[in-house]
Each structure stands twice: as structure tokens, then as C-alpha cells.
């Protein structure tokens, strides 16, 4: 397994945000975590990235424990996190945002080659290359956030609500690109409220409710699960 989350619990003060959850992500796969708003999906990704330390449990990357490793070192070890709300630097250009993402890499960066790789997925960013990121549309900002993670050259990409706030045609585009990124060899852990789209592109899925995993299995099986269909897939 590339990533193993073993019985982690996370508190925000006295509030237990996630409770004793375990998730496994196999190399080369797309694994999705679905659930309602406030279920603990984003907290799970923040715990993996080291932003919110677990109260208990362990997190392993390629068999090596990273539970108490600082966020910047977790990033250098190969985890690229696309946060909810995109988290771009609005006062910097698209180019500068992409260049910043390479600071965690230990190899030499051929910027022209890396930029072209990103533009293969998001040609629109080539047109906006020198534009200040804060002036981009919501869809373009999401493209930039995913591109920044691509520039990190991580082993695994954590995607937090990539479809949030996007028009339906852009939602389709983003999910198609997630599949393309995965087909190139990047392992993906996807957190998403759009359960239908998440299950449709993933290999394995977890259902999170009020901080606990209530169901898991191959995504094809969950598509036909009556509870999942009723609660998340519109019956």
C-alpha cells in the first residue's frame, strides 16, 4: 500500500472530528471518500498532510510512519494536497504559483518541460500564464490548484472537493482530468461530496458519516448498494 491510515482519531478541542478510521490506498488506484458536509472528509486529508495531528492512530506512507512528521516534510516525501477552497496564492501569477510548488522537490526542475506537462491537462492555463491568479475564474483556479500538485511530482495526490462551486461542464472536465492524471501513474485519494462522480471514477470507496466509516468496498459494488443509492446517489 502507498498510504495506510490505521485507526486514527482527530479532535478539534473537545470535538471529535474523526473517530478511529482506517483507510488503505493501493498504488496506482483512485480511492474515494464520500459523505455529507461535516462528515470529517477534509479533516482526514489534513491529518494525512500533517496539518491536523491525530489524537491517536498511525499514518504510513510506503510502510514508513509519518504520523508526527511536519507538513513540509510530508510534502517532500511525496504527498501533494489540493485543499478545499483551492488555496492558491491570489496575488501571484499562474507561473509563480506553479514555480512555488517545486520548492518541496529535491531534483532539478526543468520548468519549460514541467509547464508543458501541466498545459497538456489544462491548456487554458497557458493562456493565463502571466495573469494574477486571484483574477482567474473559479474553474481556472481549481485547474491551477491541481496543476500545482502536479508540479510537486508526488506519489499520491490528495484531492479535497475538486468539483465544489464549479459549473456542470467544468465538473465533468475536472473528473476526466483526474482520471487522466491517474492513468499517468499518480495514485489519488479523492474526497468529494459529488458521490456519483467520485464512485464513477474510483476503484474503491469509503463512506464517512459523522467522523466514522460506515461502509466501504469496491466502487462498482457500492454503486448498487441500496443505502448508498438512497443517501448519496439520488435513489
Foldseek 3Di string as FASTA:
>chain_A
DQKWWAQFWFDDVPRTQAGGEIDDFDFLFEEEEEEDPSLNLLVVVCQQLQNGQTPDTFMDGPNHTCRNPHNLVSLLQFEFEQHVVRPFDQQAFLQVSLVVLQPSYPDDDPSVVLVVVLCVLPVVCVVRRRPRLNPDDPLVSLSSSVSSSVSSVGQEYEYEASCPPHDPVSSVSVLVSVLVVSVVGHTYYYYHHLLVSSLVRGQKYFYGGSNYTPDIDGSVVLVPDPVCCVPRVVD
